[in-house]
Amino acid sequence: MKKKTIAMIIAMTMAFGCITGCGSTAPAAQPTENKAEVSETKTPEAAPEESSDEFGKLVIFQSKTEIMDKLNKCAEDFTDETGIEVEVWETSGDKYFTDLKTDLSTEAGPTLFSLAPGSESVEMADYLEDVSDLSFIDKVSAGMVDEVNGKKVGIPYTLEGFGLVYNADLVDVSTLTSTDALVSFLEKAKADGINGLGFSQEDYFLIMHVLNTPFAIQDDPADYLSKVLAGEVRMIDNDAFKEFGKFMEAVRANCKNPADITYDNNCGDFATGKTAMIHQGNWCYSMFADYDVNFNMGITALPLLGNNKVAVSVPAAWYINTDADAASKNSAKKFLEWLYTSETGKNYLMAEFGFVPVVEGMTSESLDPISASVAEVAAKGDTIPWSMANWPAGISTSLAPIVMQFYVSDMTGEELVNQLNDAFVSANK
């Protein structure tokens, strides 16, 4: 990821990839005109036994641009090792979901594709094959296989987590055990001339990620969200949101105004020791490449109501098209088995793609410190969900202006929570 805000936004919206196939007896998959075929199919001179009528051609539809070149090489190696023919498609991130839905509805779509677990996979539920028969399914990190309508349907690409990314030289995170403790730290940091906690002006970094925590620490986050959307409960009557309002007031009083800070500048202030913590995710580590960072860092929880868990989830997962022919589905499953269990496949996931391990026994020697922290909490199960994945589509554009107004006014934390609540209700109408 380059040090540009637009690259960050592309990374955060998570462009997705997918794989399809058709056998010698099935119709050939045709790219739509806004997809470019970016790898040539490859047929070995002497195909292994697996290259029989049982397996069809794979077509990889992929828009996660940062791994595209490596994915093409991965596809070539898969062909070399299995004899299964592979083709790769590409489209821009903002067109991917629309193109995918169109292709699937016209039966010209992929056999193996990717979605964001949550609202996207729920919307596409009728196209998702049960993958519970994959050999490694029970070794995937707890709670990370996407389940829709009682079926295991999605295999995670990687894990991402967000919370308080901290400079261990400036803050002892073991003391941040409550909202009051965090507020006290922010006050002391201000007195010492340090920005205790940094946010930035982009919608997701301004409000979406931080607002996830009070939703995610509910006893039943999905049920609570449904009640908020239906107007059956008010957020301000809930202890987690009362603490959230108090926390936001402390940020406004003691930290730099996020309305004036870009993502690049926020990460730069952290890398140069001007800011003790930033509310960010493991994707931000690449922003530090141009700085001489000489301190230890990691990620810890936003401690509302004593929460000690980091928000970790799957930004994208693989899904198999249940409407595909049997040979194509066999090839899709063969690819997933190869990718997650073979030495070649695991090397691509960990070393080449730089993904966080999602399967028991899979390790990576190339994880940055923040990603290593995410992997550690995921392995221990010390995680809370990305409840925001189920929020009404586009709600960030309604929430961000409210928070911007909060930072430049005397709006109370309670008033902030009430206005955010109203935005959720309105978005559900």
Protein backbone atom coordinates (compact mmCIF):
# COMPACT_ATOMS: atom_id res chain seq x y z
CA MET A 1 0.00 0.00 0.00
CA LYS A 2 1.45 3.35 -1.02
CA LYS A 3 1.55 6.36 1.20
CA LYS A 4 -1.51 7.88 -0.41
CA THR A 5 -4.93 8.28 1.08
CA ILE A 6 -6.64 6.87 -2.02
CA ALA A 7 -4.59 3.69 -1.75
CA MET A 8 -5.65 3.41 1.88
CA ILE A 9 -9.29 3.75 0.91
CA ILE A 10 -8.94 1.01 -1.71
CA ALA A 11 -7.35 -1.24 0.89
CA MET A 12 -10.12 -0.54 3.39
CA THR A 13 -13.00 -1.15 1.04
CA MET A 14 -11.29 -4.44 0.27
CA ALA A 15 -11.43 -5.22 -3.41
CA PHE A 16 -12.15 -8.89 -3.84
CA GLY A 17 -10.99 -11.82 -6.00
CA CYS A 18 -12.54 -15.04 -7.24
CA ILE A 19 -11.96 -18.22 -9.21
CA THR A 20 -14.18 -20.02 -11.69
CA GLY A 21 -14.01 -23.02 -13.92
CA CYS A 22 -15.62 -25.14 -16.59
CA GLY A 23 -14.74 -28.61 -17.79
CA SER A 24 -14.38 -30.01 -21.26
CA THR A 25 -18.07 -30.84 -21.26
CA ALA A 26 -19.15 -27.48 -19.83
CA PRO A 27 -19.58 -24.14 -21.64
CA ALA A 28 -16.48 -21.97 -21.60
CA ALA A 29 -16.64 -19.03 -19.18
CA GLN A 30 -16.48 -15.70 -21.01
CA PRO A 31 -15.17 -12.52 -19.39
CA THR A 32 -17.54 -9.57 -19.58
CA GLU A 33 -16.15 -6.74 -21.67
CA ASN A 34 -15.04 -4.74 -18.61
CA LYS A 35 -12.82 -7.54 -17.36
CA ALA A 36 -9.37 -8.11 -18.79
CA GLU A 37 -7.88 -11.59 -19.02
CA VAL A 38 -4.55 -11.13 -17.28
CA SER A 39 -3.03 -14.61 -17.38
CA GLU A 40 -2.72 -17.17 -20.11
CA THR A 41 -4.05 -20.64 -19.52
CA LYS A 42 -1.40 -23.28 -19.22
CA THR A 43 -1.65 -26.96 -20.07
CA PRO A 44 1.27 -29.17 -19.09
CA GLU A 45 2.62 -31.65 -21.61
CA ALA A 46 1.76 -34.56 -19.34
CA ALA A 47 -1.12 -33.65 -17.05
CA PRO A 48 -1.37 -35.47 -13.71
CA GLU A 49 -4.19 -37.92 -13.06
CA GLU A 50 -6.23 -35.13 -11.46
CA SER A 51 -6.62 -33.49 -14.88
CA SER A 52 -9.55 -35.72 -15.81
CA ASP A 53 -13.17 -35.06 -16.59
CA GLU A 54 -13.67 -34.86 -12.82
CA PHE A 55 -12.02 -31.43 -12.84
CA GLY A 56 -12.83 -28.40 -14.98
CA LYS A 57 -11.04 -25.18 -15.88
CA LEU A 58 -10.68 -22.51 -13.20
CA VAL A 59 -11.27 -18.83 -13.93
CA ILE A 60 -9.97 -16.46 -11.27
CA PHE A 61 -11.92 -13.20 -11.09
CA GLN A 62 -9.76 -10.93 -8.93
CA SER A 63 -9.75 -7.25 -8.09
CA LYS A 64 -7.50 -7.22 -5.02
CA THR A 65 -4.93 -5.35 -7.04
CA GLU A 66 -2.04 -5.55 -4.58
CA ILE A 67 -1.75 -9.32 -5.04
CA MET A 68 -2.72 -9.55 -8.71
CA ASP A 69 0.71 -10.29 -10.19
CA LYS A 70 1.49 -12.83 -7.50
CA LEU A 71 -1.92 -14.45 -7.88
CA ASN A 72 -1.23 -14.98 -11.58
CA LYS A 73 2.00 -16.77 -10.70
CA CYS A 74 0.13 -18.74 -8.03
CA ALA A 75 -2.37 -19.87 -10.67
CA GLU A 76 0.46 -21.01 -12.95
CA ASP A 77 2.01 -23.06 -10.14
CA PHE A 78 -1.37 -24.61 -9.37
CA THR A 79 -1.65 -25.70 -13.00
CA ASP A 80 1.88 -27.12 -12.94
CA GLU A 81 1.13 -29.17 -9.82
CA THR A 82 -2.39 -30.35 -10.65
CA GLY A 83 -2.83 -30.11 -14.41
CA ILE A 84 -5.99 -28.03 -13.94
CA GLU A 85 -6.21 -25.14 -16.41
CA VAL A 86 -6.49 -21.64 -14.94
CA GLU A 87 -7.53 -18.23 -16.26
CA VAL A 88 -7.51 -14.93 -14.35
CA TRP A 89 -9.97 -12.04 -14.67
CA GLU A 90 -9.59 -8.57 -13.20
CA THR A 91 -11.86 -5.60 -12.63
CA SER A 92 -11.66 -2.42 -10.57
CA GLY A 93 -12.60 -2.67 -6.92
CA ASP A 94 -15.62 -0.40 -7.13
CA LYS A 95 -17.10 -2.46 -10.02
CA TYR A 96 -16.39 -5.90 -8.66
CA PHE A 97 -19.58 -6.61 -6.74
CA THR A 98 -21.80 -5.23 -9.51
CA ASP A 99 -19.99 -7.25 -12.16
CA LEU A 100 -20.14 -10.38 -10.04
CA LYS A 101 -23.88 -10.13 -9.50
CA THR A 102 -24.45 -9.56 -13.22
CA ASP A 103 -22.28 -12.52 -14.23
CA LEU A 104 -23.87 -14.89 -11.74
CA SER A 105 -27.38 -13.92 -12.80
CA THR A 106 -26.57 -14.61 -16.47
CA GLU A 107 -24.79 -17.92 -15.73
CA ALA A 108 -21.56 -16.46 -17.10
CA GLY A 109 -20.12 -15.98 -13.66
CA PRO A 110 -17.22 -17.52 -11.79
CA THR A 111 -17.18 -20.79 -9.92
CA LEU A 112 -14.95 -19.54 -7.12
CA PHE A 113 -15.31 -15.90 -6.13
CA SER A 114 -14.91 -13.66 -3.13
CA LEU A 115 -17.18 -11.43 -1.07
CA ALA A 116 -17.08 -9.51 2.18
CA PRO A 117 -18.68 -11.69 4.87
CA GLY A 118 -21.77 -10.01 6.22
CA SER A 119 -24.25 -8.04 4.18
CA GLU A 120 -22.63 -9.05 0.85
CA SER A 121 -22.60 -12.78 1.51
CA VAL A 122 -26.14 -12.63 2.92
CA GLU A 123 -27.33 -10.86 -0.23
CA MET A 124 -25.68 -13.53 -2.40
CA ALA A 125 -26.77 -16.48 -0.22
CA ASP A 126 -28.58 -18.28 -3.06
CA TYR A 127 -25.29 -18.66 -4.96
CA LEU A 128 -23.16 -20.02 -2.11
CA GLU A 129 -22.12 -23.67 -1.98
CA ASP A 130 -21.64 -25.52 1.31
CA VAL A 131 -17.88 -26.05 1.77
CA SER A 132 -17.99 -27.96 5.05
CA ASP A 133 -16.38 -30.97 3.35
CA LEU A 134 -13.02 -29.22 2.87
CA SER A 135 -10.34 -31.10 4.81
CA PHE A 136 -9.07 -28.05 6.71
CA ILE A 137 -12.44 -26.47 7.56
CA ASP A 138 -12.26 -27.38 11.26
CA LYS A 139 -8.78 -25.87 11.57
CA VAL A 140 -9.81 -22.37 10.50
CA SER A 141 -9.61 -19.85 13.36
CA ALA A 142 -12.69 -19.87 15.55
CA GLY A 143 -15.58 -17.87 14.16
CA MET A 144 -13.80 -16.97 10.93
CA VAL A 145 -15.57 -19.35 8.52
CA ASP A 146 -18.53 -17.44 7.09
CA GLU A 147 -21.83 -19.17 7.79
CA VAL A 148 -25.02 -18.16 5.97
CA ASN A 149 -28.39 -19.82 6.54
CA GLY A 150 -26.75 -22.48 8.69
CA LYS A 151 -24.19 -23.47 6.03
CA LYS A 152 -20.41 -23.05 6.07
CA VAL A 153 -19.83 -21.17 2.85
CA GLY A 154 -16.87 -18.77 3.10
CA ILE A 155 -13.14 -19.50 3.56
CA PRO A 156 -11.26 -16.41 4.83
CA TYR A 157 -8.45 -14.81 2.84
CA THR A 158 -6.76 -13.30 5.87
CA LEU A 159 -7.58 -11.54 9.12
CA GLU A 160 -7.59 -7.83 9.83
CA GLY A 161 -7.99 -6.16 13.17
CA PHE A 162 -8.37 -2.65 14.49
CA GLY A 163 -8.13 -1.01 17.87
CA LEU A 164 -5.54 1.09 19.66
CA VAL A 165 -2.23 0.86 17.80
CA TYR A 166 0.29 1.94 20.42
CA ASN A 167 3.87 3.11 20.88
CA ALA A 168 5.16 0.98 23.75
CA ASP A 169 7.64 3.74 24.72
CA LEU A 170 4.84 6.24 25.32
CA VAL A 171 2.04 4.18 26.85
CA ASP A 172 1.81 1.18 29.15
CA VAL A 173 -1.24 -0.51 27.67
CA SER A 174 -1.57 -2.83 30.67
CA THR A 175 -2.96 0.18 32.55
CA LEU A 176 -5.70 0.86 29.97
CA THR A 177 -8.31 -1.37 31.58
CA SER A 178 -11.32 0.95 31.54
CA THR A 179 -12.75 4.06 29.95
CA ASP A 180 -11.71 6.10 32.99
CA ALA A 181 -8.14 4.80 32.74
CA LEU A 182 -8.00 5.72 29.05
CA VAL A 183 -9.39 9.20 29.74
CA SER A 184 -6.79 9.71 32.47
CA PHE A 185 -4.04 8.75 30.05
CA LEU A 186 -5.30 11.21 27.43
CA GLU A 187 -5.30 14.00 30.01
CA LYS A 188 -1.77 13.19 31.18
CA ALA A 189 -0.48 12.91 27.61
CA LYS A 190 -1.84 16.38 26.84
CA ALA A 191 -0.12 17.78 29.91
CA ASP A 192 3.13 16.19 28.71
CA GLY A 193 2.80 17.74 25.25
CA ILE A 194 1.94 14.50 23.48
CA ASN A 195 -1.13 13.70 21.41
CA GLY A 196 -2.51 10.76 23.36
CA LEU A 197 -4.74 9.29 20.65
CA GLY A 198 -5.04 10.13 16.98
CA PHE A 199 -8.00 9.81 14.63
CA SER A 200 -8.26 11.11 11.08
CA GLN A 201 -10.96 12.74 8.98
CA GLU A 202 -11.88 9.85 6.65
CA ASP A 203 -15.30 8.34 7.40
CA TYR A 204 -14.15 4.89 8.49
CA PHE A 205 -11.29 6.19 10.60
CA LEU A 206 -13.31 9.08 12.02
CA ILE A 207 -16.30 7.10 13.29
CA MET A 208 -17.07 3.70 11.72
CA HIS A 209 -14.28 1.73 13.38
CA VAL A 210 -14.50 3.34 16.80
CA LEU A 211 -18.31 3.10 16.90
CA ASN A 212 -17.99 -0.61 16.18
CA THR A 213 -16.83 -1.31 19.74
CA PRO A 214 -19.98 -0.36 21.71
CA PHE A 215 -22.05 -2.42 19.27
CA ALA A 216 -19.65 -5.38 19.26
CA ILE A 217 -19.44 -5.73 23.07
CA GLN A 218 -23.19 -6.23 23.43
CA ASP A 219 -24.28 -9.68 24.62
CA ASP A 220 -25.90 -10.25 21.21
CA PRO A 221 -24.57 -7.61 18.78
CA ALA A 222 -26.85 -8.63 15.90
CA ASP A 223 -29.98 -8.58 18.04
CA TYR A 224 -29.08 -5.24 19.59
CA LEU A 225 -28.42 -3.69 16.18
CA SER A 226 -31.79 -4.90 14.90
CA LYS A 227 -33.51 -3.26 17.85
CA VAL A 228 -31.69 0.03 17.32
CA LEU A 229 -32.62 0.05 13.64
CA ALA A 230 -36.24 -0.70 14.47
CA GLY A 231 -36.36 2.09 17.06
CA GLU A 232 -37.07 -0.37 19.86
CA VAL A 233 -34.10 0.74 21.97
CA ARG A 234 -32.06 3.94 22.28
CA MET A 235 -28.29 3.73 22.33
CA ILE A 236 -27.96 6.33 25.08
CA ASP A 237 -29.81 4.00 27.47
CA ASN A 238 -27.04 1.41 27.08
CA ASP A 239 -23.94 1.56 29.31
CA ALA A 240 -21.51 0.91 26.45
CA PHE A 241 -22.78 3.92 24.52
CA LYS A 242 -22.78 6.11 27.63
CA GLU A 243 -19.09 5.25 28.00
CA PHE A 244 -18.58 5.92 24.29
CA GLY A 245 -20.00 9.45 24.67
CA LYS A 246 -17.72 10.10 27.63
CA PHE A 247 -14.72 8.82 25.69
CA MET A 248 -15.49 11.02 22.69
CA GLU A 249 -15.70 14.10 24.90
CA ALA A 250 -12.24 13.23 26.28
CA VAL A 251 -10.80 12.89 22.77
CA ARG A 252 -12.16 16.31 21.81
CA ALA A 253 -10.80 17.91 24.99
CA ASN A 254 -7.33 16.36 24.98
CA CYS A 255 -6.35 15.29 21.46
CA LYS A 256 -5.78 16.86 18.05
CA ASN A 257 -9.00 17.58 16.19
CA PRO A 258 -9.52 14.69 13.75
CA ALA A 259 -11.29 17.05 11.36
CA ASP A 260 -7.89 18.61 10.66
CA ILE A 261 -5.91 15.37 10.31
CA THR A 262 -5.54 13.19 7.21
CA TYR A 263 -4.81 9.49 7.35
CA ASP A 264 -1.27 10.10 6.06
CA ASN A 265 -0.59 12.74 8.69
CA ASN A 266 -2.11 10.67 11.49
CA CYS A 267 0.16 7.73 10.65
CA GLY A 268 3.14 10.07 10.25
CA ASP A 269 2.61 11.62 13.69
CA PHE A 270 2.54 8.14 15.20
CA ALA A 271 5.65 7.00 13.35
CA THR A 272 7.60 10.06 14.52
CA GLY A 273 6.55 9.75 18.17
CA LYS A 274 4.25 12.77 18.24
CA THR A 275 1.21 10.61 18.93
CA ALA A 276 1.16 7.81 21.50
CA MET A 277 -1.67 5.80 19.94
CA ILE A 278 -3.83 5.83 16.84
CA HIS A 279 -7.15 4.07 16.39
CA GLN A 280 -6.19 2.01 13.37
CA GLY A 281 -5.74 -1.50 11.98
CA ASN A 282 -2.85 -3.68 10.90
CA TRP A 283 -3.10 -2.33 7.33
CA CYS A 284 -1.51 0.93 8.52
CA TYR A 285 1.93 -0.60 9.10
CA SER A 286 2.93 -0.11 5.49
CA MET A 287 2.55 3.64 6.05
CA PHE A 288 5.62 3.57 8.31
CA ALA A 289 8.03 2.36 5.61
CA ASP A 290 9.41 5.83 4.91
CA TYR A 291 10.09 6.59 8.58
CA ASP A 292 12.88 5.53 10.88
CA VAL A 293 10.61 3.81 13.40
CA ASN A 294 12.67 2.62 16.36
CA PHE A 295 10.03 1.76 18.96
CA ASN A 296 8.01 -1.35 19.73
CA MET A 297 4.37 -1.28 18.76
CA GLY A 298 1.31 -3.48 18.88
CA ILE A 299 -2.47 -3.34 18.98
CA THR A 300 -4.74 -3.43 22.01
CA ALA A 301 -8.43 -3.06 22.80
CA LEU A 302 -10.52 0.08 23.14
CA PRO A 303 -11.45 -0.52 26.81
CA LEU A 304 -15.07 0.65 26.90
CA LEU A 305 -16.75 -1.07 29.87
CA GLY A 306 -13.46 -2.88 30.47
CA ASN A 307 -13.39 -4.47 27.02
CA ASN A 308 -10.08 -6.28 26.48
CA LYS A 309 -10.70 -7.67 23.00
CA VAL A 310 -9.63 -6.38 19.59
CA ALA A 311 -12.05 -6.11 16.66
CA VAL A 312 -10.89 -8.84 14.28
CA SER A 313 -12.66 -10.12 11.22
CA VAL A 314 -12.32 -11.38 7.68
CA PRO A 315 -12.24 -8.62 5.05
CA ALA A 316 -12.85 -11.08 2.22
CA ALA A 317 -13.56 -14.80 1.83
CA TRP A 318 -13.72 -17.36 -0.96
CA TYR A 319 -17.11 -18.71 -2.01
CA ILE A 320 -18.07 -21.42 -4.52
CA ASN A 321 -20.95 -20.83 -6.93
CA THR A 322 -23.54 -23.48 -6.09
CA ASP A 323 -25.01 -23.21 -9.61
CA ALA A 324 -21.75 -24.22 -11.30
CA ASP A 325 -21.37 -27.66 -12.90
CA ALA A 326 -19.89 -30.47 -10.80
CA ALA A 327 -16.49 -30.49 -12.55
CA SER A 328 -16.04 -26.77 -12.00
CA LYS A 329 -16.98 -27.03 -8.33
CA ASN A 330 -14.50 -29.89 -7.93
CA SER A 331 -11.77 -27.66 -9.36
CA ALA A 332 -12.70 -24.82 -7.02
CA LYS A 333 -12.47 -27.11 -4.01
CA LYS A 334 -9.22 -28.57 -5.33
CA PHE A 335 -7.77 -25.06 -5.55
CA LEU A 336 -8.80 -24.19 -1.99
CA GLU A 337 -7.36 -27.46 -0.69
CA TRP A 338 -4.11 -26.74 -2.54
CA LEU A 339 -3.94 -23.09 -1.45
CA TYR A 340 -4.47 -23.80 2.26
CA THR A 341 -2.71 -27.15 2.71
CA SER A 342 0.10 -27.53 0.16
CA GLU A 343 3.53 -26.05 0.84
CA THR A 344 3.37 -24.06 -2.38
CA GLY A 345 -0.09 -22.68 -1.63
CA LYS A 346 0.71 -21.78 1.97
CA ASN A 347 3.86 -20.01 0.83
CA TYR A 348 1.76 -17.81 -1.44
CA LEU A 349 -0.70 -16.98 1.34
CA MET A 350 1.92 -16.17 3.95
CA ALA A 351 5.08 -15.03 2.16
CA GLU A 352 3.85 -13.69 -1.17
CA PHE A 353 0.42 -12.24 -0.30
CA GLY A 354 1.47 -11.26 3.23
CA PHE A 355 -1.74 -12.58 4.77
CA VAL A 356 -2.31 -13.24 8.47
CA PRO A 357 -2.62 -17.00 9.14
CA VAL A 358 -6.22 -18.22 9.43
CA VAL A 359 -5.64 -21.98 9.69
CA GLU A 360 -4.26 -23.86 12.69
CA GLY A 361 -0.61 -24.77 12.18
CA MET A 362 -0.07 -22.18 9.46
CA THR A 363 2.67 -19.72 10.38
CA SER A 364 4.26 -16.65 8.86
CA GLU A 365 7.75 -15.28 9.43
CA SER A 366 7.04 -12.06 7.58
CA LEU A 367 4.26 -10.50 9.68
CA ASP A 368 4.73 -6.92 10.79
CA PRO A 369 4.36 -6.21 14.55
CA ILE A 370 0.72 -5.08 14.31
CA SER A 371 -0.34 -8.02 12.16
CA ALA A 372 1.48 -10.32 14.58
CA SER A 373 -0.60 -8.83 17.41
CA VAL A 374 -3.77 -9.46 15.41
CA ALA A 375 -2.74 -13.06 14.75
CA GLU A 376 -2.01 -13.57 18.45
CA VAL A 377 -5.37 -12.30 19.71
CA ALA A 378 -7.17 -14.27 17.00
CA ALA A 379 -5.40 -17.47 18.01
CA LYS A 380 -6.46 -16.89 21.63
CA GLY A 381 -10.02 -16.00 20.66
CA ASP A 382 -9.65 -12.56 22.28
CA THR A 383 -11.69 -10.84 19.59
CA ILE A 384 -14.93 -8.97 19.06
CA PRO A 385 -16.73 -8.90 15.69
CA TRP A 386 -16.92 -6.25 13.03
CA SER A 387 -20.54 -5.39 13.76
CA MET A 388 -20.28 -2.57 11.25
CA ALA A 389 -20.38 -5.17 8.47
CA ASN A 390 -24.11 -5.45 9.12
CA TRP A 391 -24.89 -1.74 9.38
CA PRO A 392 -27.06 -0.18 6.65
CA ALA A 393 -25.13 0.28 3.42
CA GLY A 394 -23.65 3.76 3.03
CA ILE A 395 -24.36 4.83 6.61
CA SER A 396 -20.84 6.25 6.97
CA THR A 397 -21.89 9.25 4.90
CA SER A 398 -24.61 9.99 7.46
CA LEU A 399 -22.51 9.40 10.57
CA ALA A 400 -19.36 11.31 9.59
CA PRO A 401 -20.95 14.80 9.33
CA ILE A 402 -22.45 14.37 12.80
CA VAL A 403 -19.04 13.56 14.26
CA MET A 404 -17.37 16.39 12.36
CA GLN A 405 -19.89 18.76 13.92
CA PHE A 406 -19.22 17.27 17.35
CA TYR A 407 -15.50 18.04 17.10
CA VAL A 408 -16.07 21.71 16.28
CA SER A 409 -18.93 22.45 18.69
CA ASP A 410 -19.99 22.07 22.30
CA MET A 411 -22.26 19.11 21.53
CA THR A 412 -22.26 16.77 24.50
CA GLY A 413 -21.39 13.09 24.28
CA GLU A 414 -25.01 12.24 25.03
CA GLU A 415 -26.22 14.48 22.21
CA LEU A 416 -23.68 12.86 19.88
CA VAL A 417 -24.95 9.37 20.71
CA ASN A 418 -28.56 10.44 20.19
CA GLN A 419 -27.83 11.95 16.79
CA LEU A 420 -25.92 8.83 15.73
CA ASN A 421 -28.88 6.75 16.90
CA ASP A 422 -31.27 8.80 14.77
CA ALA A 423 -29.01 8.30 11.74
CA PHE A 424 -29.22 4.52 12.15
CA VAL A 425 -33.01 4.61 12.38
CA SER A 426 -33.26 6.86 9.32
CA ALA A 427 -30.91 4.64 7.31
CA ASN A 428 -33.18 1.66 7.98
CA LYS A 429 -36.30 3.29 6.52
